Amino acid sequence: ASIPGKGFRINNMGWYRQAPGKQREVVA
């Protein structure tokens, strides 16, 4: 994760996934 030309520190973040024909879901 970055902001081009600037510093960025991750705070809250998640992983999501989307299988074919399904809605995107939260994984972690």
mmCIF file of all heavy atoms, coordinates in Angstrom:
data_MODEL
# 
_entry.id   MODEL 
# 
loop_
_atom_site.group_PDB 
_atom_site.id 
_atom_site.type_symbol 
_atom_site.label_atom_id 
_atom_site.label_alt_id 
_atom_site.label_comp_id 
_atom_site.label_asym_id 
_atom_site.label_entity_id 
_atom_site.label_seq_id 
_atom_site.pdbx_PDB_ins_code 
_atom_site.Cartn_x 
_atom_site.Cartn_y 
_atom_site.Cartn_z 
_atom_site.occupancy 
_atom_site.B_iso_or_equiv 
_atom_site.pdbx_formal_charge 
_atom_site.auth_seq_id 
_atom_site.auth_comp_id 
_atom_site.auth_asym_id 
_atom_site.auth_atom_id 
_atom_site.pdbx_PDB_model_num 
ATOM 1   N N   . ALA A 1 1  ? 0.847   -1.187  0.000   1.00 0.00 ? 1  ALA A N   1 
ATOM 2   C CA  . ALA A 1 1  ? 0.000   0.000   0.000   1.00 0.00 ? 1  ALA A CA  1 
ATOM 3   C C   . ALA A 1 1  ? 0.884   1.239   0.000   1.00 0.00 ? 1  ALA A C   1 
ATOM 4   O O   . ALA A 1 1  ? 1.844   1.319   0.769   1.00 0.00 ? 1  ALA A O   1 
ATOM 5   C CB  . ALA A 1 1  ? -0.901  -0.005  1.221   1.00 0.00 ? 1  ALA A CB  1 
ATOM 6   N N   . SER A 1 2  ? 0.548   2.187   -0.845  1.00 0.00 ? 2  SER A N   1 
ATOM 7   C CA  . SER A 1 2  ? 1.370   3.388   -0.926  1.00 0.00 ? 2  SER A CA  1 
ATOM 8   C C   . SER A 1 2  ? 0.566   4.544   -1.486  1.00 0.00 ? 2  SER A C   1 
ATOM 9   O O   . SER A 1 2  ? -0.481  4.359   -2.113  1.00 0.00 ? 2  SER A O   1 
ATOM 10  C CB  . SER A 1 2  ? 2.597   3.141   -1.804  1.00 0.00 ? 2  SER A CB  1 
ATOM 11  O OG  . SER A 1 2  ? 2.215   2.885   -3.144  1.00 0.00 ? 2  SER A OG  1 
ATOM 12  N N   . ILE A 1 3  ? 1.054   5.719   -1.233  1.00 0.00 ? 3  ILE A N   1 
ATOM 13  C CA  . ILE A 1 3  ? 0.562   6.924   -1.904  1.00 0.00 ? 3  ILE A CA  1 
ATOM 14  C C   . ILE A 1 3  ? 1.742   7.445   -2.695  1.00 0.00 ? 3  ILE A C   1 
ATOM 15  O O   . ILE A 1 3  ? 2.759   7.830   -2.109  1.00 0.00 ? 3  ILE A O   1 
ATOM 16  C CB  . ILE A 1 3  ? 0.082   7.981   -0.904  1.00 0.00 ? 3  ILE A CB  1 
ATOM 17  C CG1 . ILE A 1 3  ? -1.087  7.432   -0.082  1.00 0.00 ? 3  ILE A CG1 1 
ATOM 18  C CG2 . ILE A 1 3  ? -0.334  9.251   -1.641  1.00 0.00 ? 3  ILE A CG2 1 
ATOM 19  C CD1 . ILE A 1 3  ? -1.571  8.393   0.993   1.00 0.00 ? 3  ILE A CD1 1 
ATOM 20  N N   . PRO A 1 4  ? 1.679   7.400   -4.030  1.00 0.00 ? 4  PRO A N   1 
ATOM 21  C CA  . PRO A 1 4  ? 2.828   7.806   -4.849  1.00 0.00 ? 4  PRO A CA  1 
ATOM 22  C C   . PRO A 1 4  ? 3.371   9.165   -4.428  1.00 0.00 ? 4  PRO A C   1 
ATOM 23  O O   . PRO A 1 4  ? 2.634   10.136  -4.320  1.00 0.00 ? 4  PRO A O   1 
ATOM 24  C CB  . PRO A 1 4  ? 2.240   7.845   -6.261  1.00 0.00 ? 4  PRO A CB  1 
ATOM 25  C CG  . PRO A 1 4  ? 1.146   6.840   -6.223  1.00 0.00 ? 4  PRO A CG  1 
ATOM 26  C CD  . PRO A 1 4  ? 0.546   6.964   -4.843  1.00 0.00 ? 4  PRO A CD  1 
ATOM 27  N N   . GLY A 1 5  ? 4.658   9.206   -4.143  1.00 0.00 ? 5  GLY A N   1 
ATOM 28  C CA  . GLY A 1 5  ? 5.315   10.446  -3.778  1.00 0.00 ? 5  GLY A CA  1 
ATOM 29  C C   . GLY A 1 5  ? 5.178   10.827  -2.324  1.00 0.00 ? 5  GLY A C   1 
ATOM 30  O O   . GLY A 1 5  ? 5.704   11.856  -1.898  1.00 0.00 ? 5  GLY A O   1 
ATOM 31  N N   . LYS A 1 6  ? 4.455   9.997   -1.559  1.00 0.00 ? 6  LYS A N   1 
ATOM 32  C CA  . LYS A 1 6  ? 4.251   10.318  -0.142  1.00 0.00 ? 6  LYS A CA  1 
ATOM 33  C C   . LYS A 1 6  ? 4.436   9.069   0.699   1.00 0.00 ? 6  LYS A C   1 
ATOM 34  O O   . LYS A 1 6  ? 4.409   7.957   0.203   1.00 0.00 ? 6  LYS A O   1 
ATOM 35  C CB  . LYS A 1 6  ? 2.836   10.870  0.071   1.00 0.00 ? 6  LYS A CB  1 
ATOM 36  C CG  . LYS A 1 6  ? 2.551   12.159  -0.664  1.00 0.00 ? 6  LYS A CG  1 
ATOM 37  C CD  . LYS A 1 6  ? 1.157   12.658  -0.350  1.00 0.00 ? 6  LYS A CD  1 
ATOM 38  C CE  . LYS A 1 6  ? 0.853   13.957  -1.066  1.00 0.00 ? 6  LYS A CE  1 
ATOM 39  N NZ  . LYS A 1 6  ? -0.498  14.480  -0.747  1.00 0.00 ? 6  LYS A NZ  1 
ATOM 40  N N   . GLY A 1 7  ? 4.597   9.259   1.960   1.00 0.00 ? 7  GLY A N   1 
ATOM 41  C CA  . GLY A 1 7  ? 4.656   8.117   2.852   1.00 0.00 ? 7  GLY A CA  1 
ATOM 42  C C   . GLY A 1 7  ? 3.248   7.670   3.218   1.00 0.00 ? 7  GLY A C   1 
ATOM 43  O O   . GLY A 1 7  ? 2.309   8.458   3.182   1.00 0.00 ? 7  GLY A O   1 
ATOM 44  N N   . PHE A 1 8  ? 3.119   6.403   3.546   1.00 0.00 ? 8  PHE A N   1 
ATOM 45  C CA  . PHE A 1 8  ? 1.816   5.884   3.949   1.00 0.00 ? 8  PHE A CA  1 
ATOM 46  C C   . PHE A 1 8  ? 2.038   4.725   4.883   1.00 0.00 ? 8  PHE A C   1 
ATOM 47  O O   . PHE A 1 8  ? 2.847   3.849   4.615   1.00 0.00 ? 8  PHE A O   1 
ATOM 48  C CB  . PHE A 1 8  ? 1.003   5.428   2.729   1.00 0.00 ? 8  PHE A CB  1 
ATOM 49  C CG  . PHE A 1 8  ? -0.335  4.829   3.082   1.00 0.00 ? 8  PHE A CG  1 
ATOM 50  C CD1 . PHE A 1 8  ? -1.382  5.635   3.485   1.00 0.00 ? 8  PHE A CD1 1 
ATOM 51  C CD2 . PHE A 1 8  ? -0.538  3.456   3.027   1.00 0.00 ? 8  PHE A CD2 1 
ATOM 52  C CE1 . PHE A 1 8  ? -2.617  5.093   3.823   1.00 0.00 ? 8  PHE A CE1 1 
ATOM 53  C CE2 . PHE A 1 8  ? -1.755  2.899   3.362   1.00 0.00 ? 8  PHE A CE2 1 
ATOM 54  C CZ  . PHE A 1 8  ? -2.803  3.721   3.760   1.00 0.00 ? 8  PHE A CZ  1 
ATOM 55  N N   . ARG A 1 9  ? 1.325   4.738   5.981   1.00 0.00 ? 9  ARG A N   1 
ATOM 56  C CA  . ARG A 1 9  ? 1.395   3.633   6.924   1.00 0.00 ? 9  ARG A CA  1 
ATOM 57  C C   . ARG A 1 9  ? 0.008   3.022   7.058   1.00 0.00 ? 9  ARG A C   1 
ATOM 58  O O   . ARG A 1 9  ? -0.976  3.721   7.281   1.00 0.00 ? 9  ARG A O   1 
ATOM 59  C CB  . ARG A 1 9  ? 1.891   4.120   8.282   1.00 0.00 ? 9  ARG A CB  1 
ATOM 60  C CG  . ARG A 1 9  ? 3.381   4.453   8.292   1.00 0.00 ? 9  ARG A CG  1 
ATOM 61  C CD  . ARG A 1 9  ? 3.780   5.163   9.573   1.00 0.00 ? 9  ARG A CD  1 
ATOM 62  N NE  . ARG A 1 9  ? 3.544   4.359   10.758  1.00 0.00 ? 9  ARG A NE  1 
ATOM 63  C CZ  . ARG A 1 9  ? 4.417   3.478   11.235  1.00 0.00 ? 9  ARG A CZ  1 
ATOM 64  N NH1 . ARG A 1 9  ? 5.554   3.254   10.610  1.00 0.00 ? 9  ARG A NH1 1 
ATOM 65  N NH2 . ARG A 1 9  ? 4.152   2.801   12.343  1.00 0.00 ? 9  ARG A NH2 1 
ATOM 66  N N   . ILE A 1 10 ? -0.012  1.711   6.924   1.00 0.00 ? 10 ILE A N   1 
ATOM 67  C CA  . ILE A 1 10 ? -1.275  0.995   6.987   1.00 0.00 ? 10 ILE A CA  1 
ATOM 68  C C   . ILE A 1 10 ? -1.825  1.028   8.399   1.00 0.00 ? 10 ILE A C   1 
ATOM 69  O O   . ILE A 1 10 ? -1.107  0.799   9.366   1.00 0.00 ? 10 ILE A O   1 
ATOM 70  C CB  . ILE A 1 10 ? -1.083  -0.472  6.543   1.00 0.00 ? 10 ILE A CB  1 
ATOM 71  C CG1 . ILE A 1 10 ? -0.696  -0.523  5.059   1.00 0.00 ? 10 ILE A CG1 1 
ATOM 72  C CG2 . ILE A 1 10 ? -2.334  -1.285  6.797   1.00 0.00 ? 10 ILE A CG2 1 
ATOM 73  C CD1 . ILE A 1 10 ? -0.256  -1.889  4.595   1.00 0.00 ? 10 ILE A CD1 1 
ATOM 74  N N   . ASN A 1 11 ? -3.132  1.271   8.498   1.00 0.00 ? 11 ASN A N   1 
ATOM 75  C CA  . ASN A 1 11 ? -3.794  1.173   9.788   1.00 0.00 ? 11 ASN A CA  1 
ATOM 76  C C   . ASN A 1 11 ? -4.666  -0.076  9.744   1.00 0.00 ? 11 ASN A C   1 
ATOM 77  O O   . ASN A 1 11 ? -4.172  -1.195  9.885   1.00 0.00 ? 11 ASN A O   1 
ATOM 78  C CB  . ASN A 1 11 ? -4.603  2.422   10.074  1.00 0.00 ? 11 ASN A CB  1 
ATOM 79  C CG  . ASN A 1 11 ? -5.053  2.483   11.516  1.00 0.00 ? 11 ASN A CG  1 
ATOM 80  O OD1 . ASN A 1 11 ? -4.578  1.723   12.362  1.00 0.00 ? 11 ASN A OD1 1 
ATOM 81  N ND2 . ASN A 1 11 ? -5.978  3.375   11.813  1.00 0.00 ? 11 ASN A ND2 1 
ATOM 82  N N   . ASN A 1 12 ? -5.931  0.084   9.548   1.00 0.00 ? 12 ASN A N   1 
ATOM 83  C CA  . ASN A 1 12 ? -6.813  -1.078  9.409   1.00 0.00 ? 12 ASN A CA  1 
ATOM 84  C C   . ASN A 1 12 ? -6.791  -1.559  7.960   1.00 0.00 ? 12 ASN A C   1 
ATOM 85  O O   . ASN A 1 12 ? -6.876  -0.759  7.038   1.00 0.00 ? 12 ASN A O   1 
ATOM 86  C CB  . ASN A 1 12 ? -8.242  -0.717  9.782   1.00 0.00 ? 12 ASN A CB  1 
ATOM 87  C CG  . ASN A 1 12 ? -8.334  -0.215  11.196  1.00 0.00 ? 12 ASN A CG  1 
ATOM 88  O OD1 . ASN A 1 12 ? -7.673  -0.714  12.080  1.00 0.00 ? 12 ASN A OD1 1 
ATOM 89  N ND2 . ASN A 1 12 ? -9.148  0.813   11.391  1.00 0.00 ? 12 ASN A ND2 1 
ATOM 90  N N   . MET A 1 13 ? -6.680  -2.852  7.772   1.00 0.00 ? 13 MET A N   1 
ATOM 91  C CA  . MET A 1 13 ? -6.638  -3.382  6.412   1.00 0.00 ? 13 MET A CA  1 
ATOM 92  C C   . MET A 1 13 ? -7.213  -4.792  6.390   1.00 0.00 ? 13 MET A C   1 
ATOM 93  O O   . MET A 1 13 ? -7.172  -5.498  7.410   1.00 0.00 ? 13 MET A O   1 
ATOM 94  C CB  . MET A 1 13 ? -5.205  -3.417  5.884   1.00 0.00 ? 13 MET A CB  1 
ATOM 95  C CG  . MET A 1 13 ? -5.083  -3.696  4.395   1.00 0.00 ? 13 MET A CG  1 
ATOM 96  S SD  . MET A 1 13 ? -5.768  -2.421  3.339   1.00 0.00 ? 13 MET A SD  1 
ATOM 97  C CE  . MET A 1 13 ? -4.480  -1.192  3.452   1.00 0.00 ? 13 MET A CE  1 
ATOM 98  N N   . GLY A 1 14 ? -7.732  -5.147  5.253   1.00 0.00 ? 14 GLY A N   1 
ATOM 99  C CA  . GLY A 1 14 ? -8.318  -6.477  5.139   1.00 0.00 ? 14 GLY A CA  1 
ATOM 100 C C   . GLY A 1 14 ? -8.000  -7.138  3.821   1.00 0.00 ? 14 GLY A C   1 
ATOM 101 O O   . GLY A 1 14 ? -7.577  -6.484  2.858   1.00 0.00 ? 14 GLY A O   1 
ATOM 102 N N   . TRP A 1 15 ? -8.206  -8.438  3.798   1.00 0.00 ? 15 TRP A N   1 
ATOM 103 C CA  . TRP A 1 15 ? -8.146  -9.218  2.570   1.00 0.00 ? 15 TRP A CA  1 
ATOM 104 C C   . TRP A 1 15 ? -9.565  -9.648  2.212   1.00 0.00 ? 15 TRP A C   1 
ATOM 105 O O   . TRP A 1 15 ? -10.342 -10.050 3.095   1.00 0.00 ? 15 TRP A O   1 
ATOM 106 C CB  . TRP A 1 15 ? -7.258  -10.453 2.736   1.00 0.00 ? 15 TRP A CB  1 
ATOM 107 C CG  . TRP A 1 15 ? -5.804  -10.150 2.620   1.00 0.00 ? 15 TRP A CG  1 
ATOM 108 C CD1 . TRP A 1 15 ? -4.924  -9.941  3.635   1.00 0.00 ? 15 TRP A CD1 1 
ATOM 109 C CD2 . TRP A 1 15 ? -5.055  -10.030 1.422   1.00 0.00 ? 15 TRP A CD2 1 
ATOM 110 N NE1 . TRP A 1 15 ? -3.674  -9.693  3.143   1.00 0.00 ? 15 TRP A NE1 1 
ATOM 111 C CE2 . TRP A 1 15 ? -3.726  -9.743  1.770   1.00 0.00 ? 15 TRP A CE2 1 
ATOM 112 C CE3 . TRP A 1 15 ? -5.353  -10.141 0.057   1.00 0.00 ? 15 TRP A CE3 1 
ATOM 113 C CZ2 . TRP A 1 15 ? -2.705  -9.563  0.836   1.00 0.00 ? 15 TRP A CZ2 1 
ATOM 114 C CZ3 . TRP A 1 15 ? -4.349  -9.969  -0.877  1.00 0.00 ? 15 TRP A CZ3 1 
ATOM 115 C CH2 . TRP A 1 15 ? -3.041  -9.681  -0.486  1.00 0.00 ? 15 TRP A CH2 1 
ATOM 116 N N   . TYR A 1 16 ? -9.867  -9.572  0.935   1.00 0.00 ? 16 TYR A N   1 
ATOM 117 C CA  . TYR A 1 16 ? -11.159 -9.940  0.415   1.00 0.00 ? 16 TYR A CA  1 
ATOM 118 C C   . TYR A 1 16 ? -10.941 -10.909 -0.747  1.00 0.00 ? 16 TYR A C   1 
ATOM 119 O O   . TYR A 1 16 ? -9.846  -10.989 -1.299  1.00 0.00 ? 16 TYR A O   1 
ATOM 120 C CB  . TYR A 1 16 ? -11.900 -8.704  -0.123  1.00 0.00 ? 16 TYR A CB  1 
ATOM 121 C CG  . TYR A 1 16 ? -12.051 -7.588  0.886   1.00 0.00 ? 16 TYR A CG  1 
ATOM 122 C CD1 . TYR A 1 16 ? -10.982 -6.760  1.214   1.00 0.00 ? 16 TYR A CD1 1 
ATOM 123 C CD2 . TYR A 1 16 ? -13.286 -7.340  1.495   1.00 0.00 ? 16 TYR A CD2 1 
ATOM 124 C CE1 . TYR A 1 16 ? -11.119 -5.737  2.135   1.00 0.00 ? 16 TYR A CE1 1 
ATOM 125 C CE2 . TYR A 1 16 ? -13.432 -6.311  2.408   1.00 0.00 ? 16 TYR A CE2 1 
ATOM 126 C CZ  . TYR A 1 16 ? -12.347 -5.513  2.723   1.00 0.00 ? 16 TYR A CZ  1 
ATOM 127 O OH  . TYR A 1 16 ? -12.489 -4.491  3.636   1.00 0.00 ? 16 TYR A OH  1 
ATOM 128 N N   . ARG A 1 17 ? -11.993 -11.603 -1.120  1.00 0.00 ? 17 ARG A N   1 
ATOM 129 C CA  . ARG A 1 17 ? -11.876 -12.467 -2.286  1.00 0.00 ? 17 ARG A CA  1 
ATOM 130 C C   . ARG A 1 17 ? -13.193 -12.497 -3.041  1.00 0.00 ? 17 ARG A C   1 
ATOM 131 O O   . ARG A 1 17 ? -14.261 -12.278 -2.466  1.00 0.00 ? 17 ARG A O   1 
ATOM 132 C CB  . ARG A 1 17 ? -11.454 -13.886 -1.904  1.00 0.00 ? 17 ARG A CB  1 
ATOM 133 C CG  . ARG A 1 17 ? -12.476 -14.664 -1.100  1.00 0.00 ? 17 ARG A CG  1 
ATOM 134 C CD  . ARG A 1 17 ? -11.892 -16.002 -0.661  1.00 0.00 ? 17 ARG A CD  1 
ATOM 135 N NE  . ARG A 1 17 ? -12.841 -16.790 0.112   1.00 0.00 ? 17 ARG A NE  1 
ATOM 136 C CZ  . ARG A 1 17 ? -12.530 -17.922 0.731   1.00 0.00 ? 17 ARG A CZ  1 
ATOM 137 N NH1 . ARG A 1 17 ? -11.276 -18.400 0.667   1.00 0.00 ? 17 ARG A NH1 1 
ATOM 138 N NH2 . ARG A 1 17 ? -13.455 -18.583 1.413   1.00 0.00 ? 17 ARG A NH2 1 
ATOM 139 N N   . GLN A 1 18 ? -13.073 -12.753 -4.333  1.00 0.00 ? 18 GLN A N   1 
ATOM 140 C CA  . GLN A 1 18 ? -14.265 -12.863 -5.172  1.00 0.00 ? 18 GLN A CA  1 
ATOM 141 C C   . GLN A 1 18 ? -14.089 -14.033 -6.117  1.00 0.00 ? 18 GLN A C   1 
ATOM 142 O O   . GLN A 1 18 ? -13.178 -14.042 -6.951  1.00 0.00 ? 18 GLN A O   1 
ATOM 143 C CB  . GLN A 1 18 ? -14.500 -11.570 -5.958  1.00 0.00 ? 18 GLN A CB  1 
ATOM 144 C CG  . GLN A 1 18 ? -15.805 -11.574 -6.720  1.00 0.00 ? 18 GLN A CG  1 
ATOM 145 C CD  . GLN A 1 18 ? -16.179 -10.198 -7.239  1.00 0.00 ? 18 GLN A CD  1 
ATOM 146 O OE1 . GLN A 1 18 ? -15.339 -9.313  -7.390  1.00 0.00 ? 18 GLN A OE1 1 
ATOM 147 N NE2 . GLN A 1 18 ? -17.460 -10.003 -7.498  1.00 0.00 ? 18 GLN A NE2 1 
ATOM 148 N N   . ALA A 1 19 ? -14.951 -15.000 -5.964  1.00 0.00 ? 19 ALA A N   1 
ATOM 149 C CA  . ALA A 1 19 ? -14.958 -16.164 -6.843  1.00 0.00 ? 19 ALA A CA  1 
ATOM 150 C C   . ALA A 1 19 ? -15.904 -15.888 -8.014  1.00 0.00 ? 19 ALA A C   1 
ATOM 151 O O   . ALA A 1 19 ? -16.815 -15.048 -7.896  1.00 0.00 ? 19 ALA A O   1 
ATOM 152 C CB  . ALA A 1 19 ? -15.401 -17.400 -6.080  1.00 0.00 ? 19 ALA A CB  1 
ATOM 153 N N   . PRO A 1 20 ? -15.722 -16.574 -9.127  1.00 0.00 ? 20 PRO A N   1 
ATOM 154 C CA  . PRO A 1 20 ? -16.590 -16.355 -10.286 1.00 0.00 ? 20 PRO A CA  1 
ATOM 155 C C   . PRO A 1 20 ? -18.060 -16.525 -9.940  1.00 0.00 ? 20 PRO A C   1 
ATOM 156 O O   . PRO A 1 20 ? -18.453 -17.518 -9.321  1.00 0.00 ? 20 PRO A O   1 
ATOM 157 C CB  . PRO A 1 20 ? -16.125 -17.429 -11.276 1.00 0.00 ? 20 PRO A CB  1 
ATOM 158 C CG  . PRO A 1 20 ? -14.710 -17.698 -10.907 1.00 0.00 ? 20 PRO A CG  1 
ATOM 159 C CD  . PRO A 1 20 ? -14.656 -17.553 -9.419  1.00 0.00 ? 20 PRO A CD  1 
ATOM 160 N N   . GLY A 1 21 ? -18.861 -15.550 -10.319 1.00 0.00 ? 21 GLY A N   1 
ATOM 161 C CA  . GLY A 1 21 ? -20.292 -15.622 -10.077 1.00 0.00 ? 21 GLY A CA  1 
ATOM 162 C C   . GLY A 1 21 ? -20.717 -15.340 -8.655  1.00 0.00 ? 21 GLY A C   1 
ATOM 163 O O   . GLY A 1 21 ? -21.904 -15.467 -8.327  1.00 0.00 ? 21 GLY A O   1 
ATOM 164 N N   . LYS A 1 22 ? -19.777 -14.968 -7.802  1.00 0.00 ? 22 LYS A N   1 
ATOM 165 C CA  . LYS A 1 22 ? -20.106 -14.698 -6.406  1.00 0.00 ? 22 LYS A CA  1 
ATOM 166 C C   . LYS A 1 22 ? -19.737 -13.272 -6.037  1.00 0.00 ? 22 LYS A C   1 
ATOM 167 O O   . LYS A 1 22 ? -18.929 -12.624 -6.697  1.00 0.00 ? 22 LYS A O   1 
ATOM 168 C CB  . LYS A 1 22 ? -19.374 -15.684 -5.490  1.00 0.00 ? 22 LYS A CB  1 
ATOM 169 C CG  . LYS A 1 22 ? -19.813 -17.119 -5.664  1.00 0.00 ? 22 LYS A CG  1 
ATOM 170 C CD  . LYS A 1 22 ? -19.188 -18.006 -4.609  1.00 0.00 ? 22 LYS A CD  1 
ATOM 171 C CE  . LYS A 1 22 ? -19.686 -19.426 -4.724  1.00 0.00 ? 22 LYS A CE  1 
ATOM 172 N NZ  . LYS A 1 22 ? -19.100 -20.296 -3.657  1.00 0.00 ? 22 LYS A NZ  1 
ATOM 173 N N   . GLN A 1 23 ? -20.323 -12.812 -4.951  1.00 0.00 ? 23 GLN A N   1 
ATOM 174 C CA  . GLN A 1 23 ? -19.997 -11.477 -4.470  1.00 0.00 ? 23 GLN A CA  1 
ATOM 175 C C   . GLN A 1 23 ? -18.648 -11.493 -3.745  1.00 0.00 ? 23 GLN A C   1 
ATOM 176 O O   . GLN A 1 23 ? -18.208 -12.520 -3.228  1.00 0.00 ? 23 GLN A O   1 
ATOM 177 C CB  . GLN A 1 23 ? -21.087 -10.985 -3.504  1.00 0.00 ? 23 GLN A CB  1 
ATOM 178 C CG  . GLN A 1 23 ? -22.384 -10.615 -4.190  1.00 0.00 ? 23 GLN A CG  1 
ATOM 179 C CD  . GLN A 1 23 ? -23.328 -9.893  -3.257  1.00 0.00 ? 23 GLN A CD  1 
ATOM 180 O OE1 . GLN A 1 23 ? -23.272 -10.055 -2.036  1.00 0.00 ? 23 GLN A OE1 1 
ATOM 181 N NE2 . GLN A 1 23 ? -24.217 -9.088  -3.817  1.00 0.00 ? 23 GLN A NE2 1 
ATOM 182 N N   . ARG A 1 24 ? -18.030 -10.336 -3.715  1.00 0.00 ? 24 ARG A N   1 
ATOM 183 C CA  . ARG A 1 24 ? -16.790 -10.191 -2.976  1.00 0.00 ? 24 ARG A CA  1 
ATOM 184 C C   . ARG A 1 24 ? -17.079 -10.370 -1.488  1.00 0.00 ? 24 ARG A C   1 
ATOM 185 O O   . ARG A 1 24 ? -18.068 -9.855  -0.984  1.00 0.00 ? 24 ARG A O   1 
ATOM 186 C CB  . ARG A 1 24 ? -16.187 -8.817  -3.240  1.00 0.00 ? 24 ARG A CB  1 
ATOM 187 C CG  . ARG A 1 24 ? -14.797 -8.600  -2.686  1.00 0.00 ? 24 ARG A CG  1 
ATOM 188 C CD  . ARG A 1 24 ? -14.262 -7.259  -3.143  1.00 0.00 ? 24 ARG A CD  1 
ATOM 189 N NE  . ARG A 1 24 ? -13.948 -7.282  -4.568  1.00 0.00 ? 24 ARG A NE  1 
ATOM 190 C CZ  . ARG A 1 24 ? -13.870 -6.181  -5.324  1.00 0.00 ? 24 ARG A CZ  1 
ATOM 191 N NH1 . ARG A 1 24 ? -14.094 -5.009  -4.779  1.00 0.00 ? 24 ARG A NH1 1 
ATOM 192 N NH2 . ARG A 1 24 ? -13.550 -6.283  -6.596  1.00 0.00 ? 24 ARG A NH2 1 
ATOM 193 N N   . GLU A 1 25 ? -16.204 -11.104 -0.800  1.00 0.00 ? 25 GLU A N   1 
ATOM 194 C CA  . GLU A 1 25 ? -16.412 -11.347 0.614   1.00 0.00 ? 25 GLU A CA  1 
ATOM 195 C C   . GLU A 1 25 ? -15.140 -11.037 1.402   1.00 0.00 ? 25 GLU A C   1 
ATOM 196 O O   . GLU A 1 25 ? -14.025 -11.135 0.877   1.00 0.00 ? 25 GLU A O   1 
ATOM 197 C CB  . GLU A 1 25 ? -16.814 -12.805 0.859   1.00 0.00 ? 25 GLU A CB  1 
ATOM 198 C CG  . GLU A 1 25 ? -15.771 -13.836 0.434   1.00 0.00 ? 25 GLU A CG  1 
ATOM 199 C CD  . GLU A 1 25 ? -16.167 -15.258 0.787   1.00 0.00 ? 25 GLU A CD  1 
ATOM 200 O OE1 . GLU A 1 25 ? -17.185 -15.462 1.488   1.00 0.00 ? 25 GLU A OE1 1 
ATOM 201 O OE2 . GLU A 1 25 ? -15.434 -16.180 0.369   1.00 0.00 ? 25 GLU A OE2 1 
ATOM 202 N N   . VAL A 1 26 ? -15.344 -10.703 2.663   1.00 0.00 ? 26 VAL A N   1 
ATOM 203 C CA  . VAL A 1 26 ? -14.219 -10.452 3.549   1.00 0.00 ? 26 VAL A CA  1 
ATOM 204 C C   . VAL A 1 26 ? -13.606 -11.781 3.971   1.00 0.00 ? 26 VAL A C   1 
ATOM 205 O O   . VAL A 1 26 ? -14.321 -12.706 4.345   1.00 0.00 ? 26 VAL A O   1 
ATOM 206 C CB  . VAL A 1 26 ? -14.668 -9.671  4.795   1.00 0.00 ? 26 VAL A CB  1 
ATOM 207 C CG1 . VAL A 1 26 ? -13.515 -9.511  5.753   1.00 0.00 ? 26 VAL A CG1 1 
ATOM 208 C CG2 . VAL A 1 26 ? -15.224 -8.314  4.391   1.00 0.00 ? 26 VAL A CG2 1 
ATOM 209 N N   . VAL A 1 27 ? -12.290 -11.844 3.925   1.00 0.00 ? 27 VAL A N   1 
ATOM 210 C CA  . VAL A 1 27 ? -11.578 -13.045 4.347   1.00 0.00 ? 27 VAL A CA  1 
ATOM 211 C C   . VAL A 1 27 ? -10.944 -12.828 5.713   1.00 0.00 ? 27 VAL A C   1 
ATOM 212 O O   . VAL A 1 27 ? -11.064 -13.670 6.606   1.00 0.00 ? 27 VAL A O   1 
ATOM 213 C CB  . VAL A 1 27 ? -10.496 -13.424 3.321   1.00 0.00 ? 27 VAL A CB  1 
ATOM 214 C CG1 . VAL A 1 27 ? -9.665  -14.607 3.824   1.00 0.00 ? 27 VAL A CG1 1 
ATOM 215 C CG2 . VAL A 1 27 ? -11.120 -13.741 1.975   1.00 0.00 ? 27 VAL A CG2 1 
ATOM 216 N N   . ALA A 1 28 ? -10.259 -11.700 5.880   1.00 0.00 ? 28 ALA A N   1 
ATOM 217 C CA  . ALA A 1 28 ? -9.562  -11.421 7.127   1.00 0.00 ? 28 ALA A CA  1 
ATOM 218 C C   . ALA A 1 28 ? -9.364  -9.923  7.261   1.00 0.00 ? 28 ALA A C   1 
ATOM 219 O O   . ALA A 1 28 ? -9.200  -9.219  6.268   1.00 0.00 ? 28 ALA A O   1 
ATOM 220 C CB  . ALA A 1 28 ? -8.211  -12.136 7.161   1.00 0.00 ? 28 ALA A CB  1 
# 
